[in-house]
């Protein structure tokens, strides 16, 4: 019932096409951990690609809306900047690192790539 946004169709599609795989491990308890989180259900974190001393994160707005979302990470980020699809830093694309994470503005269906330079 309702719209595809209300029904979480995109999240269910990802769950169907990319199921969670379990791996046998010791019985020791491990704390829950996530490298990234996004504050808006309209924004999908599609990929995070490793580079030497950096990570490129690609996100897109999936609901056809204009939205501000916060990208949070538990990685030791030294610097964050928007980059183009070829992963070259965009002019004036430096993102302030705030307590809530990095503030990203999306227009309908916009793709953003964020280059995260890591502390060593």
PDB file of N, CA and C in Angstrom:
ATOM      1  N   UNK A   1       0.844  -1.185   0.000  1.00  0.00           N
ATOM      2  CA  UNK A   1       0.000   0.000   0.000  1.00  0.00           C
ATOM      3  C   UNK A   1       0.883   1.239   0.000  1.00  0.00           C
ATOM      4  N   UNK A   2       0.400   2.297  -0.636  1.00  0.00           N
ATOM      5  CA  UNK A   2       1.137   3.553  -0.676  1.00  0.00           C
ATOM      6  C   UNK A   2       2.151   3.593  -1.807  1.00  0.00           C
ATOM      7  N   UNK A   3       3.056   4.552  -1.734  1.00  0.00           N
ATOM      8  CA  UNK A   3       4.059   4.751  -2.785  1.00  0.00           C
ATOM      9  C   UNK A   3       5.215   3.762  -2.633  1.00  0.00           C
ATOM     10  N   UNK A   4       6.055   3.695  -3.662  1.00  0.00           N
ATOM     11  CA  UNK A   4       7.219   2.806  -3.580  1.00  0.00           C
ATOM     12  C   UNK A   4       8.177   3.293  -2.495  1.00  0.00           C
ATOM     13  N   UNK A   5       8.185   4.605  -2.218  1.00  0.00           N
ATOM     14  CA  UNK A   5       9.033   5.130  -1.158  1.00  0.00           C
ATOM     15  C   UNK A   5       8.542   4.640   0.209  1.00  0.00           C
ATOM     16  N   UNK A   6       7.215   4.720   0.425  1.00  0.00           N
ATOM     17  CA  UNK A   6       6.647   4.279   1.701  1.00  0.00           C
ATOM     18  C   UNK A   6       6.834   2.772   1.911  1.00  0.00           C
ATOM     19  N   UNK A   7       6.815   2.011   0.823  1.00  0.00           N
ATOM     20  CA  UNK A   7       6.925   0.550   0.909  1.00  0.00           C
ATOM     21  C   UNK A   7       8.376   0.066   0.966  1.00  0.00           C
ATOM     22  N   UNK A   8       9.353   0.988   0.907  1.00  0.00           N
ATOM     23  CA  UNK A   8      10.786   0.638   0.952  1.00  0.00           C
ATOM     24  C   UNK A   8      11.179  -0.342  -0.154  1.00  0.00           C
ATOM     25  N   UNK A   9      10.627  -0.126  -1.354  1.00  0.00           N
ATOM     26  CA  UNK A   9      10.884  -1.031  -2.479  1.00  0.00           C
ATOM     27  C   UNK A   9      12.372  -1.133  -2.807  1.00  0.00           C
ATOM     28  N   UNK A  10      13.069  -0.011  -2.785  1.00  0.00           N
ATOM     29  CA  UNK A  10      14.492  -0.032  -3.145  1.00  0.00           C
ATOM     30  C   UNK A  10      15.289  -0.869  -2.146  1.00  0.00           C
ATOM     31  N   UNK A  11      15.033  -0.698  -0.856  1.00  0.00           N
ATOM     32  CA  UNK A  11      15.739  -1.486   0.163  1.00  0.00           C
ATOM     33  C   UNK A  11      15.418  -2.968   0.019  1.00  0.00           C
ATOM     34  N   UNK A  12      14.151  -3.303  -0.225  1.00  0.00           N
ATOM     35  CA  UNK A  12      13.779  -4.713  -0.409  1.00  0.00           C
ATOM     36  C   UNK A  12      14.438  -5.297  -1.663  1.00  0.00           C
ATOM     37  N   UNK A  13      14.560  -4.509  -2.715  1.00  0.00           N
ATOM     38  CA  UNK A  13      15.229  -4.980  -3.938  1.00  0.00           C
ATOM     39  C   UNK A  13      16.705  -5.266  -3.673  1.00  0.00           C
ATOM     40  N   UNK A  14      17.370  -4.380  -2.935  1.00  0.00           N
ATOM     41  CA  UNK A  14      18.772  -4.636  -2.582  1.00  0.00           C
ATOM     42  C   UNK A  14      18.894  -5.895  -1.725  1.00  0.00           C
ATOM     43  N   UNK A  15      17.992  -6.061  -0.756  1.00  0.00           N
ATOM     44  CA  UNK A  15      18.031  -7.258   0.094  1.00  0.00           C
ATOM     45  C   UNK A  15      17.845  -8.534  -0.718  1.00  0.00           C
ATOM     46  N   UNK A  16      16.985  -8.486  -1.740  1.00  0.00           N
ATOM     47  CA  UNK A  16      16.748  -9.650  -2.593  1.00  0.00           C
ATOM     48  C   UNK A  16      17.943  -9.935  -3.495  1.00  0.00           C
ATOM     49  N   UNK A  17      18.497  -8.896  -4.119  1.00  0.00           N
ATOM     50  CA  UNK A  17      19.572  -9.075  -5.087  1.00  0.00           C
ATOM     51  C   UNK A  17      20.959  -9.210  -4.473  1.00  0.00           C
ATOM     52  N   UNK A  18      21.124  -8.730  -3.258  1.00  0.00           N
ATOM     53  CA  UNK A  18      22.407  -8.823  -2.563  1.00  0.00           C
ATOM     54  C   UNK A  18      22.171  -9.338  -1.153  1.00  0.00           C
ATOM     55  N   UNK A  19      21.816 -10.616  -1.021  1.00  0.00           N
ATOM     56  CA  UNK A  19      21.489 -11.146   0.308  1.00  0.00           C
ATOM     57  C   UNK A  19      22.711 -11.144   1.224  1.00  0.00           C
ATOM     58  N   UNK A  20      22.434 -11.045   2.501  1.00  0.00           N
ATOM     59  CA  UNK A  20      23.474 -11.101   3.509  1.00  0.00           C
ATOM     60  C   UNK A  20      24.006 -12.527   3.581  1.00  0.00           C
ATOM     61  N   UNK A  21      25.319 -12.669   3.570  1.00  0.00           N
ATOM     62  CA  UNK A  21      25.954 -13.986   3.670  1.00  0.00           C
ATOM     63  C   UNK A  21      26.543 -14.147   5.063  1.00  0.00           C
ATOM     64  N   UNK A  22      26.329 -15.287   5.639  1.00  0.00           N
ATOM     65  CA  UNK A  22      26.900 -15.561   6.954  1.00  0.00           C
ATOM     66  C   UNK A  22      28.187 -16.349   6.804  1.00  0.00           C
ATOM     67  N   UNK A  23      29.069 -16.153   7.758  1.00  0.00           N
ATOM     68  CA  UNK A  23      30.356 -16.831   7.762  1.00  0.00           C
ATOM     69  C   UNK A  23      30.561 -17.425   9.146  1.00  0.00           C
ATOM     70  N   UNK A  24      30.923 -18.717   9.230  1.00  0.00           N
ATOM     71  CA  UNK A  24      31.172 -19.306  10.553  1.00  0.00           C
ATOM     72  C   UNK A  24      32.292 -18.553  11.263  1.00  0.00           C
ATOM     73  N   UNK A  25      32.100 -18.344  12.552  1.00  0.00           N
ATOM     74  CA  UNK A  25      33.102 -17.639  13.341  1.00  0.00           C
ATOM     75  C   UNK A  25      33.124 -18.232  14.743  1.00  0.00           C
ATOM     76  N   UNK A  26      34.035 -17.747  15.535  1.00  0.00           N
ATOM     77  CA  UNK A  26      34.106 -18.225  16.920  1.00  0.00           C
ATOM     78  C   UNK A  26      32.869 -17.746  17.672  1.00  0.00           C
ATOM     79  N   UNK A  27      32.657 -18.300  18.831  1.00  0.00           N
ATOM     80  CA  UNK A  27      31.480 -17.946  19.620  1.00  0.00           C
ATOM     81  C   UNK A  27      31.687 -16.653  20.405  1.00  0.00           C
ATOM     82  N   UNK A  28      32.853 -16.030  20.279  1.00  0.00           N
ATOM     83  CA  UNK A  28      33.119 -14.776  20.999  1.00  0.00           C
ATOM     84  C   UNK A  28      32.184 -13.680  20.496  1.00  0.00           C
ATOM     85  N   UNK A  29      31.690 -12.895  21.428  1.00  0.00           N
ATOM     86  CA  UNK A  29      30.787 -11.806  21.066  1.00  0.00           C
ATOM     87  C   UNK A  29      31.582 -10.655  20.447  1.00  0.00           C
ATOM     88  N   UNK A  30      31.085 -10.145  19.333  1.00  0.00           N
ATOM     89  CA  UNK A  30      31.695  -9.004  18.667  1.00  0.00           C
ATOM     90  C   UNK A  30      30.706  -7.849  18.677  1.00  0.00           C
ATOM     91  N   UNK A  31      31.173  -6.648  18.921  1.00  0.00           N
ATOM     92  CA  UNK A  31      30.246  -5.509  18.906  1.00  0.00           C
ATOM     93  C   UNK A  31      29.760  -5.235  17.485  1.00  0.00           C
ATOM     94  N   UNK A  32      28.535  -4.709  17.382  1.00  0.00           N
ATOM     95  CA  UNK A  32      28.005  -4.325  16.070  1.00  0.00           C
ATOM     96  C   UNK A  32      28.854  -3.188  15.523  1.00  0.00           C
ATOM     97  N   UNK A  33      29.083  -3.194  14.218  1.00  0.00           N
ATOM     98  CA  UNK A  33      29.949  -2.188  13.609  1.00  0.00           C
ATOM     99  C   UNK A  33      29.469  -1.919  12.193  1.00  0.00           C
ATOM    100  N   UNK A  34      29.506  -0.673  11.788  1.00  0.00           N
ATOM    101  CA  UNK A  34      29.174  -0.299  10.424  1.00  0.00           C
ATOM    102  C   UNK A  34      30.136   0.794   9.988  1.00  0.00           C
ATOM    103  N   UNK A  35      30.690   0.669   8.804  1.00  0.00           N
ATOM    104  CA  UNK A  35      31.626   1.674   8.309  1.00  0.00           C
ATOM    105  C   UNK A  35      30.908   2.964   7.928  1.00  0.00           C
ATOM    106  N   UNK A  36      29.658   2.858   7.426  1.00  0.00           N
ATOM    107  CA  UNK A  36      28.939   4.031   6.941  1.00  0.00           C
ATOM    108  C   UNK A  36      27.479   3.990   7.356  1.00  0.00           C
ATOM    109  N   UNK A  37      26.888   5.165   7.493  1.00  0.00           N
ATOM    110  CA  UNK A  37      25.441   5.289   7.625  1.00  0.00           C
ATOM    111  C   UNK A  37      25.013   6.581   6.943  1.00  0.00           C
ATOM    112  N   UNK A  38      23.778   6.568   6.435  1.00  0.00           N
ATOM    113  CA  UNK A  38      23.211   7.730   5.742  1.00  0.00           C
ATOM    114  C   UNK A  38      21.902   8.066   6.440  1.00  0.00           C
ATOM    115  N   UNK A  39      21.674   9.346   6.696  1.00  0.00           N
ATOM    116  CA  UNK A  39      20.533   9.769   7.505  1.00  0.00           C
ATOM    117  C   UNK A  39      19.189   9.736   6.789  1.00  0.00           C
ATOM    118  N   UNK A  40      19.174   9.664   5.460  1.00  0.00           N
ATOM    119  CA  UNK A  40      17.912   9.711   4.721  1.00  0.00           C
ATOM    120  C   UNK A  40      17.635   8.397   3.995  1.00  0.00           C
ATOM    121  N   UNK A  41      16.403   7.875   4.102  1.00  0.00           N
ATOM    122  CA  UNK A  41      16.065   6.663   3.347  1.00  0.00           C
ATOM    123  C   UNK A  41      15.993   6.912   1.843  1.00  0.00           C
ATOM    124  N   UNK A  42      15.961   8.186   1.430  1.00  0.00           N
ATOM    125  CA  UNK A  42      15.921   8.511   0.005  1.00  0.00           C
ATOM    126  C   UNK A  42      17.291   8.390  -0.653  1.00  0.00           C
ATOM    127  N   UNK A  43      18.346   8.322   0.150  1.00  0.00           N
ATOM    128  CA  UNK A  43      19.712   8.269  -0.382  1.00  0.00           C
ATOM    129  C   UNK A  43      20.267   6.871  -0.197  1.00  0.00           C
ATOM    130  N   UNK A  44      20.797   6.316  -1.286  1.00  0.00           N
ATOM    131  CA  UNK A  44      21.370   4.967  -1.284  1.00  0.00           C
ATOM    132  C   UNK A  44      22.878   5.074  -1.432  1.00  0.00           C
ATOM    133  N   UNK A  45      23.606   4.435  -0.522  1.00  0.00           N
ATOM    134  CA  UNK A  45      25.047   4.319  -0.657  1.00  0.00           C
ATOM    135  C   UNK A  45      25.290   3.095  -1.536  1.00  0.00           C
ATOM    136  N   UNK A  46      25.714   3.344  -2.754  1.00  0.00           N
ATOM    137  CA  UNK A  46      25.840   2.277  -3.749  1.00  0.00           C
ATOM    138  C   UNK A  46      27.153   1.518  -3.615  1.00  0.00           C
ATOM    139  N   UNK A  47      28.268   2.233  -3.543  1.00  0.00           N
ATOM    140  CA  UNK A  47      29.568   1.554  -3.460  1.00  0.00           C
ATOM    141  C   UNK A  47      30.522   2.347  -2.582  1.00  0.00           C
ATOM    142  N   UNK A  48      31.504   1.659  -2.069  1.00  0.00           N
ATOM    143  CA  UNK A  48      32.640   2.276  -1.391  1.00  0.00           C
ATOM    144  C   UNK A  48      33.867   1.558  -1.935  1.00  0.00           C
ATOM    145  N   UNK A  49      34.710   2.286  -2.627  1.00  0.00           N
ATOM    146  CA  UNK A  49      35.866   1.689  -3.289  1.00  0.00           C
ATOM    147  C   UNK A  49      37.150   2.099  -2.593  1.00  0.00           C
ATOM    148  N   UNK A  50      37.967   1.101  -2.309  1.00  0.00           N
ATOM    149  CA  UNK A  50      39.265   1.314  -1.672  1.00  0.00           C
ATOM    150  C   UNK A  50      40.258   1.895  -2.660  1.00  0.00           C
ATOM    151  N   UNK A  51      41.015   2.867  -2.209  1.00  0.00           N
ATOM    152  CA  UNK A  51      42.162   3.399  -2.941  1.00  0.00           C
ATOM    153  C   UNK A  51      43.296   3.519  -1.937  1.00  0.00           C
ATOM    154  N   UNK A  52      44.512   3.657  -2.408  1.00  0.00           N
ATOM    155  CA  UNK A  52      45.600   3.847  -1.441  1.00  0.00           C
ATOM    156  C   UNK A  52      45.338   5.098  -0.598  1.00  0.00           C
ATOM    157  N   UNK A  53      45.264   4.934   0.719  1.00  0.00           N
ATOM    158  CA  UNK A  53      45.076   6.010   1.687  1.00  0.00           C
ATOM    159  C   UNK A  53      43.746   6.754   1.559  1.00  0.00           C
ATOM    160  N   UNK A  54      42.777   6.190   0.833  1.00  0.00           N
ATOM    161  CA  UNK A  54      41.494   6.874   0.651  1.00  0.00           C
ATOM    162  C   UNK A  54      40.398   5.867   0.315  1.00  0.00           C
ATOM    163  N   UNK A  55      39.153   6.342   0.400  1.00  0.00           N
ATOM    164  CA  UNK A  55      37.985   5.564   0.010  1.00  0.00           C
ATOM    165  C   UNK A  55      37.091   6.488  -0.799  1.00  0.00           C
ATOM    166  N   UNK A  56      36.532   5.985  -1.903  1.00  0.00           N
ATOM    167  CA  UNK A  56      35.558   6.750  -2.678  1.00  0.00           C
ATOM    168  C   UNK A  56      34.193   6.131  -2.423  1.00  0.00           C
ATOM    169  N   UNK A  57      33.250   6.965  -1.996  1.00  0.00           N
ATOM    170  CA  UNK A  57      31.892   6.523  -1.695  1.00  0.00           C
ATOM    171  C   UNK A  57      30.968   7.134  -2.738  1.00  0.00           C
ATOM    172  N   UNK A  58      30.129   6.293  -3.363  1.00  0.00           N
ATOM    173  CA  UNK A  58      29.184   6.773  -4.366  1.00  0.00           C
ATOM    174  C   UNK A  58      27.774   6.591  -3.831  1.00  0.00           C
ATOM    175  N   UNK A  59      26.995   7.690  -3.864  1.00  0.00           N
ATOM    176  CA  UNK A  59      25.630   7.693  -3.346  1.00  0.00           C
ATOM    177  C   UNK A  59      24.697   8.274  -4.402  1.00  0.00           C
ATOM    178  N   UNK A  60      23.413   7.918  -4.314  1.00  0.00           N
ATOM    179  CA  UNK A  60      22.437   8.544  -5.209  1.00  0.00           C
ATOM    180  C   UNK A  60      21.106   8.730  -4.496  1.00  0.00           C
ATOM    181  N   UNK A  61      20.356   9.731  -4.973  1.00  0.00           N
ATOM    182  CA  UNK A  61      19.023  10.005  -4.453  1.00  0.00           C
ATOM    183  C   UNK A  61      18.066   9.145  -5.254  1.00  0.00           C
ATOM    184  N   UNK A  62      17.263   8.316  -4.590  1.00  0.00           N
ATOM    185  CA  UNK A  62      16.471   7.293  -5.271  1.00  0.00           C
ATOM    186  C   UNK A  62      14.969   7.543  -5.268  1.00  0.00           C
ATOM    187  N   UNK A  63      14.481   8.566  -4.558  1.00  0.00           N
ATOM    188  CA  UNK A  63      13.041   8.781  -4.447  1.00  0.00           C
ATOM    189  C   UNK A  63      12.506   9.884  -5.344  1.00  0.00           C
ATOM    190  N   UNK A  64      13.380  10.526  -6.110  1.00  0.00           N
ATOM    191  CA  UNK A  64      12.926  11.620  -6.960  1.00  0.00           C
ATOM    192  C   UNK A  64      12.631  12.876  -6.161  1.00  0.00           C
ATOM    193  N   UNK A  65      13.390  13.094  -5.093  1.00  0.00           N
ATOM    194  CA  UNK A  65      13.141  14.233  -4.221  1.00  0.00           C
ATOM    195  C   UNK A  65      14.409  15.068  -4.055  1.00  0.00           C
ATOM    196  N   UNK A  66      14.238  16.250  -3.511  1.00  0.00           N
ATOM    197  CA  UNK A  66      15.367  17.085  -3.109  1.00  0.00           C
ATOM    198  C   UNK A  66      15.551  16.863  -1.619  1.00  0.00           C
ATOM    199  N   UNK A  67      16.748  16.495  -1.221  1.00  0.00           N
ATOM    200  CA  UNK A  67      16.962  16.106   0.176  1.00  0.00           C
ATOM    201  C   UNK A  67      18.380  16.457   0.613  1.00  0.00           C
ATOM    202  N   UNK A  68      18.513  16.753   1.895  1.00  0.00           N
ATOM    203  CA  UNK A  68      19.824  16.895   2.532  1.00  0.00           C
ATOM    204  C   UNK A  68      20.019  15.657   3.387  1.00  0.00           C
ATOM    205  N   UNK A  69      21.159  15.018   3.220  1.00  0.00           N
ATOM    206  CA  UNK A  69      21.459  13.804   3.984  1.00  0.00           C
ATOM    207  C   UNK A  69      22.829  13.949   4.622  1.00  0.00           C
ATOM    208  N   UNK A  70      23.000  13.272   5.734  1.00  0.00           N
ATOM    209  CA  UNK A  70      24.283  13.255   6.429  1.00  0.00           C
ATOM    210  C   UNK A  70      24.926  11.890   6.239  1.00  0.00           C
ATOM    211  N   UNK A  71      26.156  11.887   5.750  1.00  0.00           N
ATOM    212  CA  UNK A  71      26.946  10.666   5.613  1.00  0.00           C
ATOM    213  C   UNK A  71      27.864  10.591   6.823  1.00  0.00           C
ATOM    214  N   UNK A  72      27.735   9.508   7.592  1.00  0.00           N
ATOM    215  CA  UNK A  72      28.594   9.292   8.749  1.00  0.00           C
ATOM    216  C   UNK A  72      29.466   8.071   8.496  1.00  0.00           C
ATOM    217  N   UNK A  73      30.664   8.104   9.042  1.00  0.00           N
ATOM    218  CA  UNK A  73      31.570   6.974   8.908  1.00  0.00           C
ATOM    219  C   UNK A  73      32.353   6.780  10.197  1.00  0.00           C
ATOM    220  N   UNK A  74      32.711   5.532  10.458  1.00  0.00           N
ATOM    221  CA  UNK A  74      33.561   5.229  11.600  1.00  0.00           C
ATOM    222  C   UNK A  74      35.031   5.158  11.178  1.00  0.00           C
ATOM    223  N   UNK A  75      35.304   5.401   9.906  1.00  0.00           N
ATOM    224  CA  UNK A  75      36.680   5.398   9.413  1.00  0.00           C
ATOM    225  C   UNK A  75      37.397   6.671   9.875  1.00  0.00           C
ATOM    226  N   UNK A  76      38.717   6.633  10.000  1.00  0.00           N
ATOM    227  CA  UNK A  76      39.478   7.809  10.444  1.00  0.00           C
ATOM    228  C   UNK A  76      39.694   8.791   9.292  1.00  0.00           C
ATOM    229  N   UNK A  77      38.699   9.625   9.017  1.00  0.00           N
ATOM    230  CA  UNK A  77      38.757  10.545   7.874  1.00  0.00           C
ATOM    231  C   UNK A  77      39.541  11.797   8.241  1.00  0.00           C
ATOM    232  N   UNK A  78      40.511  12.137   7.396  1.00  0.00           N
ATOM    233  CA  UNK A  78      41.301  13.350   7.567  1.00  0.00           C
ATOM    234  C   UNK A  78      40.701  14.494   6.762  1.00  0.00           C
ATOM    235  N   UNK A  79      40.155  14.154   5.582  1.00  0.00           N
ATOM    236  CA  UNK A  79      39.656  15.168   4.654  1.00  0.00           C
ATOM    237  C   UNK A  79      38.586  14.530   3.767  1.00  0.00           C
ATOM    238  N   UNK A  80      37.560  15.317   3.417  1.00  0.00           N
ATOM    239  CA  UNK A  80      36.490  14.816   2.548  1.00  0.00           C
ATOM    240  C   UNK A  80      36.212  15.839   1.462  1.00  0.00           C
ATOM    241  N   UNK A  81      35.987  15.347   0.249  1.00  0.00           N
ATOM    242  CA  UNK A  81      35.683  16.254  -0.866  1.00  0.00           C
ATOM    243  C   UNK A  81      34.823  15.546  -1.898  1.00  0.00           C
ATOM    244  N   UNK A  82      33.993  16.330  -2.569  1.00  0.00           N
ATOM    245  CA  UNK A  82      33.224  15.796  -3.691  1.00  0.00           C
ATOM    246  C   UNK A  82      34.187  15.557  -4.834  1.00  0.00           C
ATOM    247  N   UNK A  83      33.912  14.542  -5.632  1.00  0.00           N
ATOM    248  CA  UNK A  83      34.732  14.292  -6.812  1.00  0.00           C
ATOM    249  C   UNK A  83      33.809  13.908  -7.968  1.00  0.00           C
ATOM    250  N   UNK A  84      34.370  13.938  -9.172  1.00  0.00           N
ATOM    251  CA  UNK A  84      33.567  13.573 -10.338  1.00  0.00           C
ATOM    252  C   UNK A  84      33.520  12.051 -10.478  1.00  0.00           C
ATOM    253  N   UNK A  85      32.845  11.569 -11.510  1.00  0.00           N
ATOM    254  CA  UNK A  85      32.706  10.121 -11.688  1.00  0.00           C
ATOM    255  C   UNK A  85      34.022   9.432 -12.026  1.00  0.00           C
ATOM    256  N   UNK A  86      35.031  10.223 -12.436  1.00  0.00           N
ATOM    257  CA  UNK A  86      36.364   9.665 -12.665  1.00  0.00           C
ATOM    258  C   UNK A  86      37.223   9.775 -11.402  1.00  0.00           C
ATOM    259  N   UNK A  87      36.582  10.183 -10.298  1.00  0.00           N
ATOM    260  CA  UNK A  87      37.196  10.262  -8.971  1.00  0.00           C
ATOM    261  C   UNK A  87      38.267  11.334  -8.864  1.00  0.00           C
ATOM    262  N   UNK A  88      38.113  12.408  -9.667  1.00  0.00           N
ATOM    263  CA  UNK A  88      38.987  13.577  -9.568  1.00  0.00           C
ATOM    264  C   UNK A  88      38.284  14.598  -8.677  1.00  0.00           C
ATOM    265  N   UNK A  89      39.006  15.192  -7.715  1.00  0.00           N
ATOM    266  CA  UNK A  89      38.374  16.169  -6.820  1.00  0.00           C
ATOM    267  C   UNK A  89      37.727  17.310  -7.612  1.00  0.00           C
ATOM    268  N   UNK A  90      36.525  17.700  -7.185  1.00  0.00           N
ATOM    269  CA  UNK A  90      35.801  18.798  -7.827  1.00  0.00           C
ATOM    270  C   UNK A  90      36.287  20.120  -7.258  1.00  0.00           C
ATOM    271  N   UNK A  91      36.351  21.143  -8.107  1.00  0.00           N
ATOM    272  CA  UNK A  91      36.746  22.475  -7.652  1.00  0.00           C
ATOM    273  C   UNK A  91      35.729  22.960  -6.622  1.00  0.00           C
ATOM    274  N   UNK A  92      36.218  23.402  -5.485  1.00  0.00           N
ATOM    275  CA  UNK A  92      35.332  23.897  -4.436  1.00  0.00           C
ATOM    276  C   UNK A  92      34.474  22.817  -3.805  1.00  0.00           C
ATOM    277  N   UNK A  93      34.875  21.564  -3.942  1.00  0.00           N
ATOM    278  CA  UNK A  93      34.073  20.455  -3.449  1.00  0.00           C
ATOM    279  C   UNK A  93      34.449  19.966  -2.064  1.00  0.00           C
ATOM    280  N   UNK A  94      35.255  20.718  -1.348  1.00  0.00           N
ATOM    281  CA  UNK A  94      35.687  20.295  -0.011  1.00  0.00           C
ATOM    282  C   UNK A  94      34.484  20.259   0.937  1.00  0.00           C
ATOM    283  N   UNK A  95      34.359  19.186   1.701  1.00  0.00           N
ATOM    284  CA  UNK A  95      33.242  19.013   2.633  1.00  0.00           C
ATOM    285  C   UNK A  95      33.734  19.156   4.065  1.00  0.00           C
ATOM    286  N   UNK A  96      33.098  20.035   4.850  1.00  0.00           N
ATOM    287  CA  UNK A  96      33.484  20.138   6.251  1.00  0.00           C
ATOM    288  C   UNK A  96      33.140  18.852   7.000  1.00  0.00           C
ATOM    289  N   UNK A  97      34.018  18.433   7.884  1.00  0.00           N
ATOM    290  CA  UNK A  97      33.778  17.260   8.727  1.00  0.00           C
ATOM    291  C   UNK A  97      33.114  17.759  10.008  1.00  0.00           C
ATOM    292  N   UNK A  98      31.830  17.461  10.163  1.00  0.00           N
ATOM    293  CA  UNK A  98      31.071  17.913  11.319  1.00  0.00           C
ATOM    294  C   UNK A  98      30.758  16.731  12.225  1.00  0.00           C
ATOM    295  N   UNK A  99      30.269  17.024  13.412  1.00  0.00           N
ATOM    296  CA  UNK A  99      29.945  15.959  14.366  1.00  0.00           C
ATOM    297  C   UNK A  99      28.906  15.002  13.788  1.00  0.00           C
ATOM    298  N   UNK A 100      27.939  15.529  13.013  1.00  0.00           N
ATOM    299  CA  UNK A 100      26.900  14.692  12.412  1.00  0.00           C
ATOM    300  C   UNK A 100      27.401  13.967  11.165  1.00  0.00           C
ATOM    301  N   UNK A 101      28.596  14.275  10.710  1.00  0.00           N
ATOM    302  CA  UNK A 101      29.132  13.657   9.503  1.00  0.00           C
ATOM    303  C   UNK A 101      29.382  14.695   8.430  1.00  0.00           C
ATOM    304  N   UNK A 102      29.152  14.312   7.187  1.00  0.00           N
ATOM    305  CA  UNK A 102      29.304  15.213   6.053  1.00  0.00           C
ATOM    306  C   UNK A 102      27.924  15.522   5.484  1.00  0.00           C
ATOM    307  N   UNK A 103      27.625  16.785   5.300  1.00  0.00           N
ATOM    308  CA  UNK A 103      26.318  17.219   4.797  1.00  0.00           C
ATOM    309  C   UNK A 103      26.333  17.162   3.272  1.00  0.00           C
ATOM    310  N   UNK A 104      25.396  16.410   2.699  1.00  0.00           N
ATOM    311  CA  UNK A 104      25.298  16.249   1.250  1.00  0.00           C
ATOM    312  C   UNK A 104      23.923  16.692   0.775  1.00  0.00           C
ATOM    313  N   UNK A 105      23.882  17.487  -0.282  1.00  0.00           N
ATOM    314  CA  UNK A 105      22.619  17.962  -0.853  1.00  0.00           C
ATOM    315  C   UNK A 105      22.350  17.237  -2.162  1.00  0.00           C
ATOM    316  N   UNK A 106      21.146  16.687  -2.284  1.00  0.00           N
ATOM    317  CA  UNK A 106      20.759  15.932  -3.466  1.00  0.00           C
ATOM    318  C   UNK A 106      19.543  16.570  -4.134  1.00  0.00           C
ATOM    319  N   UNK A 107      19.560  16.568  -5.450  1.00  0.00           N
ATOM    320  CA  UNK A 107      18.379  16.859  -6.243  1.00  0.00           C
ATOM    321  C   UNK A 107      17.873  15.511  -6.746  1.00  0.00           C
ATOM    322  N   UNK A 108      16.678  15.439  -7.349  1.00  0.00           N
ATOM    323  CA  UNK A 108      16.151  14.135  -7.761  1.00  0.00           C
ATOM    324  C   UNK A 108      17.127  13.312  -8.606  1.00  0.00           C
ATOM    325  N   UNK A 109      17.392  12.097  -8.149  1.00  0.00           N
ATOM    326  CA  UNK A 109      18.199  11.082  -8.839  1.00  0.00           C
ATOM    327  C   UNK A 109      19.661  11.473  -9.048  1.00  0.00           C
ATOM    328  N   UNK A 110      20.132  12.451  -8.318  1.00  0.00           N
ATOM    329  CA  UNK A 110      21.511  12.909  -8.443  1.00  0.00           C
ATOM    330  C   UNK A 110      22.468  11.881  -7.858  1.00  0.00           C
ATOM    331  N   UNK A 111      23.602  11.692  -8.533  1.00  0.00           N
ATOM    332  CA  UNK A 111      24.684  10.822  -8.063  1.00  0.00           C
ATOM    333  C   UNK A 111      25.788  11.716  -7.512  1.00  0.00           C
ATOM    334  N   UNK A 112      26.285  11.402  -6.331  1.00  0.00           N
ATOM    335  CA  UNK A 112      27.425  12.108  -5.754  1.00  0.00           C
ATOM    336  C   UNK A 112      28.520  11.113  -5.433  1.00  0.00           C
ATOM    337  N   UNK A 113      29.747  11.508  -5.711  1.00  0.00           N
ATOM    338  CA  UNK A 113      30.917  10.723  -5.325  1.00  0.00           C
ATOM    339  C   UNK A 113      31.695  11.542  -4.312  1.00  0.00           C
ATOM    340  N   UNK A 114      32.078  10.894  -3.219  1.00  0.00           N
ATOM    341  CA  UNK A 114      32.797  11.565  -2.145  1.00  0.00           C
ATOM    342  C   UNK A 114      34.127  10.849  -1.937  1.00  0.00           C
ATOM    343  N   UNK A 115      35.212  11.610  -2.000  1.00  0.00           N
ATOM    344  CA  UNK A 115      36.547  11.083  -1.761  1.00  0.00           C
ATOM    345  C   UNK A 115      36.900  11.336  -0.292  1.00  0.00           C
ATOM    346  N   UNK A 116      37.162  10.272   0.439  1.00  0.00           N
ATOM    347  CA  UNK A 116      37.517  10.362   1.849  1.00  0.00           C
ATOM    348  C   UNK A 116      38.995  10.018   1.996  1.00  0.00           C
ATOM    349  N   UNK A 117      39.799  10.996   2.343  1.00  0.00           N
ATOM    350  CA  UNK A 117      41.225  10.777   2.578  1.00  0.00           C
ATOM    351  C   UNK A 117      41.362  10.353   4.036  1.00  0.00           C
ATOM    352  N   UNK A 118      42.036   9.233   4.259  1.00  0.00           N
ATOM    353  CA  UNK A 118      42.121   8.641   5.609  1.00  0.00           C
ATOM    354  C   UNK A 118      43.416   9.027   6.314  1.00  0.00           C
ATOM    355  N   UNK A 119      43.309   9.169   7.651  1.00  0.00           N
ATOM    356  CA  UNK A 119      44.503   9.382   8.476  1.00  0.00           C
ATOM    357  C   UNK A 119      45.290   8.077   8.521  1.00  0.00           C
ATOM    358  N   UNK A 120      46.564   8.190   8.559  1.00  0.00           N
ATOM    359  CA  UNK A 120      47.417   6.996   8.607  1.00  0.00           C
ATOM    360  C   UNK A 120      47.838   6.679   9.994  1.00  0.00           C
TER     361      UNK A 120
END
